Amino acid sequence: MNQNQLELDDYDAALTRRAVGIARAADKADRDHEGWQDEAVSAVRKYLAQHPGRQFLAEDVRAWCEAMGIIDAPENERAWGAVMRRAAKDGYICKIGYAPARSSNLSPKVLWEPRP
Protein backbone atom coordinates (compact mmCIF):
# COMPACT_ATOMS: atom_id res chain seq x y z
CA MET A 1 0.00 0.00 0.00
CA ASN A 2 1.40 3.40 -0.94
CA GLN A 3 1.33 6.62 1.09
CA ASN A 4 -1.58 8.06 -0.91
CA GLN A 5 -3.71 5.00 -0.18
CA LEU A 6 -2.88 5.23 3.52
CA GLU A 7 -3.94 8.88 3.53
CA LEU A 8 -7.21 8.04 1.76
CA ASP A 9 -7.89 5.22 4.23
CA ASP A 10 -7.23 7.60 7.15
CA TYR A 11 -9.54 10.19 5.57
CA ASP A 12 -12.30 7.64 5.02
CA ALA A 13 -11.93 6.43 8.60
CA ALA A 14 -12.18 10.00 9.87
CA LEU A 15 -15.34 10.59 7.83
CA THR A 16 -16.85 7.45 9.31
CA ARG A 17 -15.93 8.46 12.86
CA ARG A 18 -17.46 11.90 12.30
CA ALA A 19 -20.71 10.43 10.93
CA VAL A 20 -20.96 7.94 13.79
CA GLY A 21 -20.34 10.66 16.41
CA ILE A 22 -22.96 12.96 14.91
CA ALA A 23 -25.52 10.15 14.67
CA ARG A 24 -24.90 9.02 18.24
CA ALA A 25 -25.25 12.55 19.59
CA ALA A 26 -28.47 13.15 17.64
CA ASP A 27 -29.95 9.81 18.66
CA LYS A 28 -29.14 10.58 22.32
CA ALA A 29 -30.84 13.98 21.99
CA ASP A 30 -33.94 12.22 20.67
CA ARG A 31 -33.85 9.70 23.52
CA ASP A 32 -33.54 12.52 26.06
CA HIS A 33 -36.27 14.60 24.41
CA GLU A 34 -38.51 12.72 22.00
CA GLY A 35 -38.68 14.49 18.65
CA TRP A 36 -35.72 16.76 19.39
CA GLN A 37 -34.30 16.50 15.86
CA ASP A 38 -37.64 17.43 14.29
CA GLU A 39 -37.94 20.39 16.65
CA ALA A 40 -34.37 21.44 15.88
CA VAL A 41 -34.99 21.43 12.11
CA SER A 42 -38.07 23.58 12.76
CA ALA A 43 -35.86 25.87 14.84
CA VAL A 44 -33.45 26.21 11.91
CA ARG A 45 -36.38 27.25 9.72
CA LYS A 46 -37.41 29.86 12.32
CA TYR A 47 -33.84 31.16 12.38
CA LEU A 48 -33.88 31.47 8.59
CA ALA A 49 -37.15 33.41 8.71
CA GLN A 50 -35.69 35.82 11.27
CA HIS A 51 -32.36 36.21 9.44
CA PRO A 52 -33.22 36.22 5.72
CA GLY A 53 -30.33 35.89 3.29
CA ARG A 54 -27.71 35.79 6.05
CA GLN A 55 -24.73 33.42 5.98
CA PHE A 56 -24.31 31.58 9.26
CA LEU A 57 -22.63 28.80 11.23
CA ALA A 58 -24.45 26.12 13.18
CA GLU A 59 -23.25 27.84 16.36
CA ASP A 60 -25.19 30.95 15.34
CA VAL A 61 -28.39 28.92 15.11
CA ARG A 62 -27.67 27.21 18.44
CA ALA A 63 -26.98 30.48 20.23
CA TRP A 64 -30.11 32.12 18.80
CA CYS A 65 -32.29 29.15 19.73
CA GLU A 66 -30.94 29.14 23.27
CA ALA A 67 -31.32 32.92 23.66
CA MET A 68 -34.89 32.80 22.36
CA GLY A 69 -35.77 29.69 24.38
CA ILE A 70 -36.91 27.92 21.21
CA ILE A 71 -35.44 24.49 21.91
CA ASP A 72 -33.61 22.76 24.73
CA ALA A 73 -29.89 22.38 24.17
CA PRO A 74 -28.83 18.77 23.64
CA GLU A 75 -26.33 17.17 25.98
CA ASN A 76 -23.83 17.02 23.10
CA GLU A 77 -23.69 19.90 20.62
CA ARG A 78 -22.63 17.49 17.87
CA ALA A 79 -26.33 16.63 17.63
CA TRP A 80 -26.70 19.88 15.69
CA GLY A 81 -24.54 18.37 12.94
CA ALA A 82 -27.32 15.92 12.11
CA VAL A 83 -29.84 18.76 12.17
CA MET A 84 -27.84 20.91 9.78
CA ARG A 85 -27.30 17.98 7.43
CA ARG A 86 -31.02 17.24 7.45
CA ALA A 87 -31.91 20.89 6.86
CA ALA A 88 -29.57 20.83 3.86
CA LYS A 89 -30.99 17.56 2.57
CA ASP A 90 -34.52 18.95 2.94
CA GLY A 91 -33.49 21.96 0.84
CA TYR A 92 -33.63 24.71 3.46
CA ILE A 93 -29.91 25.53 3.54
CA CYS A 94 -26.77 24.90 1.50
CA LYS A 95 -23.10 24.70 2.35
CA ILE A 96 -21.09 27.55 0.85
CA GLY A 97 -17.68 27.18 2.47
CA TYR A 98 -16.05 27.40 5.86
CA ALA A 99 -15.58 30.08 8.51
CA PRO A 100 -13.88 30.25 11.92
CA ALA A 101 -16.15 29.19 14.79
CA ARG A 102 -15.91 30.71 18.25
CA SER A 103 -17.16 27.45 19.78
CA SER A 104 -14.07 25.57 18.62
CA ASN A 105 -11.21 28.02 19.13
CA LEU A 106 -11.73 29.47 15.64
CA SER A 107 -11.37 26.13 13.86
CA PRO A 108 -13.14 26.29 10.52
CA LYS A 109 -16.72 25.02 10.47
CA VAL A 110 -19.26 24.80 7.67
CA LEU A 111 -20.67 28.12 6.53
CA TRP A 112 -24.31 27.90 5.47
CA GLU A 113 -26.79 30.10 3.69
CA PRO A 114 -30.52 29.80 3.07
CA ARG A 115 -31.65 28.19 -0.15
CA PRO A 116 -33.88 30.45 -2.22
C-alpha atoms as a PDB file:
ATOM      1  CA  MET A   1       0.000   0.000   0.000  1.00  0.00           C
ATOM      2  CA  ASN A   2       1.396   3.398  -0.940  1.00  0.00           C
ATOM      3  CA  GLN A   3       1.332   6.619   1.090  1.00  0.00           C
ATOM      4  CA  ASN A   4      -1.582   8.064  -0.909  1.00  0.00           C
ATOM      5  CA  GLN A   5      -3.712   4.996  -0.178  1.00  0.00           C
ATOM      6  CA  LEU A   6      -2.884   5.234   3.525  1.00  0.00           C
ATOM      7  CA  GLU A   7      -3.938   8.884   3.534  1.00  0.00           C
ATOM      8  CA  LEU A   8      -7.214   8.040   1.761  1.00  0.00           C
ATOM      9  CA  ASP A   9      -7.886   5.224   4.229  1.00  0.00           C
ATOM     10  CA  ASP A  10      -7.229   7.603   7.146  1.00  0.00           C
ATOM     11  CA  TYR A  11      -9.535  10.193   5.574  1.00  0.00           C
ATOM     12  CA  ASP A  12     -12.302   7.639   5.024  1.00  0.00           C
ATOM     13  CA  ALA A  13     -11.930   6.432   8.600  1.00  0.00           C
ATOM     14  CA  ALA A  14     -12.178  10.003   9.873  1.00  0.00           C
ATOM     15  CA  LEU A  15     -15.340  10.586   7.828  1.00  0.00           C
ATOM     16  CA  THR A  16     -16.848   7.448   9.312  1.00  0.00           C
ATOM     17  CA  ARG A  17     -15.930   8.460  12.865  1.00  0.00           C
ATOM     18  CA  ARG A  18     -17.465  11.903  12.300  1.00  0.00           C
ATOM     19  CA  ALA A  19     -20.712  10.430  10.929  1.00  0.00           C
ATOM     20  CA  VAL A  20     -20.961   7.941  13.791  1.00  0.00           C
ATOM     21  CA  GLY A  21     -20.337  10.656  16.406  1.00  0.00           C
ATOM     22  CA  ILE A  22     -22.957  12.959  14.909  1.00  0.00           C
ATOM     23  CA  ALA A  23     -25.519  10.145  14.667  1.00  0.00           C
ATOM     24  CA  ARG A  24     -24.902   9.016  18.243  1.00  0.00           C
ATOM     25  CA  ALA A  25     -25.245  12.555  19.589  1.00  0.00           C
ATOM     26  CA  ALA A  26     -28.475  13.150  17.644  1.00  0.00           C
ATOM     27  CA  ASP A  27     -29.949   9.805  18.665  1.00  0.00           C
ATOM     28  CA  LYS A  28     -29.140  10.582  22.318  1.00  0.00           C
ATOM     29  CA  ALA A  29     -30.835  13.980  21.990  1.00  0.00           C
ATOM     30  CA  ASP A  30     -33.945  12.221  20.671  1.00  0.00           C
ATOM     31  CA  ARG A  31     -33.845   9.701  23.521  1.00  0.00           C
ATOM     32  CA  ASP A  32     -33.537  12.521  26.061  1.00  0.00           C
ATOM     33  CA  HIS A  33     -36.266  14.599  24.407  1.00  0.00           C
ATOM     34  CA  GLU A  34     -38.514  12.716  22.000  1.00  0.00           C
ATOM     35  CA  GLY A  35     -38.679  14.493  18.651  1.00  0.00           C
ATOM     36  CA  TRP A  36     -35.724  16.764  19.386  1.00  0.00           C
ATOM     37  CA  GLN A  37     -34.299  16.495  15.864  1.00  0.00           C
ATOM     38  CA  ASP A  38     -37.636  17.430  14.288  1.00  0.00           C
ATOM     39  CA  GLU A  39     -37.944  20.391  16.650  1.00  0.00           C
ATOM     40  CA  ALA A  40     -34.374  21.439  15.885  1.00  0.00           C
ATOM     41  CA  VAL A  41     -34.986  21.426  12.115  1.00  0.00           C
ATOM     42  CA  SER A  42     -38.070  23.583  12.756  1.00  0.00           C
ATOM     43  CA  ALA A  43     -35.862  25.871  14.840  1.00  0.00           C
ATOM     44  CA  VAL A  44     -33.453  26.208  11.907  1.00  0.00           C
ATOM     45  CA  ARG A  45     -36.378  27.249   9.719  1.00  0.00           C
ATOM     46  CA  LYS A  46     -37.410  29.865  12.317  1.00  0.00           C
ATOM     47  CA  TYR A  47     -33.844  31.156  12.383  1.00  0.00           C
ATOM     48  CA  LEU A  48     -33.883  31.469   8.592  1.00  0.00           C
ATOM     49  CA  ALA A  49     -37.154  33.411   8.707  1.00  0.00           C
ATOM     50  CA  GLN A  50     -35.692  35.823  11.267  1.00  0.00           C
ATOM     51  CA  HIS A  51     -32.361  36.211   9.444  1.00  0.00           C
ATOM     52  CA  PRO A  52     -33.220  36.216   5.716  1.00  0.00           C
ATOM     53  CA  GLY A  53     -30.326  35.894   3.292  1.00  0.00           C
ATOM     54  CA  ARG A  54     -27.712  35.789   6.047  1.00  0.00           C
ATOM     55  CA  GLN A  55     -24.730  33.424   5.983  1.00  0.00           C
ATOM     56  CA  PHE A  56     -24.305  31.575   9.258  1.00  0.00           C
ATOM     57  CA  LEU A  57     -22.628  28.804  11.230  1.00  0.00           C
ATOM     58  CA  ALA A  58     -24.450  26.123  13.178  1.00  0.00           C
ATOM     59  CA  GLU A  59     -23.249  27.835  16.364  1.00  0.00           C
ATOM     60  CA  ASP A  60     -25.192  30.954  15.339  1.00  0.00           C
ATOM     61  CA  VAL A  61     -28.392  28.924  15.114  1.00  0.00           C
ATOM     62  CA  ARG A  62     -27.674  27.207  18.440  1.00  0.00           C
ATOM     63  CA  ALA A  63     -26.981  30.485  20.231  1.00  0.00           C
ATOM     64  CA  TRP A  64     -30.111  32.124  18.797  1.00  0.00           C
ATOM     65  CA  CYS A  65     -32.289  29.147  19.732  1.00  0.00           C
ATOM     66  CA  GLU A  66     -30.944  29.145  23.275  1.00  0.00           C
ATOM     67  CA  ALA A  67     -31.315  32.925  23.661  1.00  0.00           C
ATOM     68  CA  MET A  68     -34.892  32.799  22.361  1.00  0.00           C
ATOM     69  CA  GLY A  69     -35.770  29.693  24.385  1.00  0.00           C
ATOM     70  CA  ILE A  70     -36.905  27.921  21.211  1.00  0.00           C
ATOM     71  CA  ILE A  71     -35.436  24.488  21.906  1.00  0.00           C
ATOM     72  CA  ASP A  72     -33.612  22.757  24.726  1.00  0.00           C
ATOM     73  CA  ALA A  73     -29.889  22.375  24.173  1.00  0.00           C
ATOM     74  CA  PRO A  74     -28.828  18.765  23.636  1.00  0.00           C
ATOM     75  CA  GLU A  75     -26.327  17.173  25.976  1.00  0.00           C
ATOM     76  CA  ASN A  76     -23.828  17.024  23.100  1.00  0.00           C
ATOM     77  CA  GLU A  77     -23.694  19.901  20.619  1.00  0.00           C
ATOM     78  CA  ARG A  78     -22.630  17.488  17.867  1.00  0.00           C
ATOM     79  CA  ALA A  79     -26.333  16.627  17.635  1.00  0.00           C
ATOM     80  CA  TRP A  80     -26.705  19.877  15.693  1.00  0.00           C
ATOM     81  CA  GLY A  81     -24.540  18.368  12.945  1.00  0.00           C
ATOM     82  CA  ALA A  82     -27.322  15.923  12.106  1.00  0.00           C
ATOM     83  CA  VAL A  83     -29.843  18.757  12.173  1.00  0.00           C
ATOM     84  CA  MET A  84     -27.838  20.914   9.781  1.00  0.00           C
ATOM     85  CA  ARG A  85     -27.303  17.977   7.429  1.00  0.00           C
ATOM     86  CA  ARG A  86     -31.018  17.237   7.453  1.00  0.00           C
ATOM     87  CA  ALA A  87     -31.915  20.887   6.862  1.00  0.00           C
ATOM     88  CA  ALA A  88     -29.567  20.834   3.861  1.00  0.00           C
ATOM     89  CA  LYS A  89     -30.988  17.558   2.571  1.00  0.00           C
ATOM     90  CA  ASP A  90     -34.522  18.946   2.942  1.00  0.00           C
ATOM     91  CA  GLY A  91     -33.487  21.957   0.837  1.00  0.00           C
ATOM     92  CA  TYR A  92     -33.628  24.712   3.463  1.00  0.00           C
ATOM     93  CA  ILE A  93     -29.909  25.527   3.536  1.00  0.00           C
ATOM     94  CA  CYS A  94     -26.773  24.904   1.501  1.00  0.00           C
ATOM     95  CA  LYS A  95     -23.099  24.695   2.352  1.00  0.00           C
ATOM     96  CA  ILE A  96     -21.089  27.555   0.846  1.00  0.00           C
ATOM     97  CA  GLY A  97     -17.684  27.183   2.470  1.00  0.00           C
ATOM     98  CA  TYR A  98     -16.049  27.402   5.863  1.00  0.00           C
ATOM     99  CA  ALA A  99     -15.578  30.081   8.508  1.00  0.00           C
ATOM    100  CA  PRO A 100     -13.884  30.250  11.919  1.00  0.00           C
ATOM    101  CA  ALA A 101     -16.147  29.188  14.790  1.00  0.00           C
ATOM    102  CA  ARG A 102     -15.910  30.708  18.254  1.00  0.00           C
ATOM    103  CA  SER A 103     -17.158  27.451  19.785  1.00  0.00           C
ATOM    104  CA  SER A 104     -14.070  25.567  18.624  1.00  0.00           C
ATOM    105  CA  ASN A 105     -11.213  28.019  19.128  1.00  0.00           C
ATOM    106  CA  LEU A 106     -11.729  29.469  15.637  1.00  0.00           C
ATOM    107  CA  SER A 107     -11.373  26.126  13.864  1.00  0.00           C
ATOM    108  CA  PRO A 108     -13.139  26.288  10.522  1.00  0.00           C
ATOM    109  CA  LYS A 109     -16.718  25.017  10.470  1.00  0.00           C
ATOM    110  CA  VAL A 110     -19.264  24.800   7.671  1.00  0.00           C
ATOM    111  CA  LEU A 111     -20.667  28.122   6.534  1.00  0.00           C
ATOM    112  CA  TRP A 112     -24.309  27.900   5.473  1.00  0.00           C
ATOM    113  CA  GLU A 113     -26.792  30.104   3.695  1.00  0.00           C
ATOM    114  CA  PRO A 114     -30.517  29.797   3.069  1.00  0.00           C
ATOM    115  CA  ARG A 115     -31.646  28.187  -0.147  1.00  0.00           C
ATOM    116  CA  PRO A 116     -33.875  30.446  -2.215  1.00  0.00           C
END
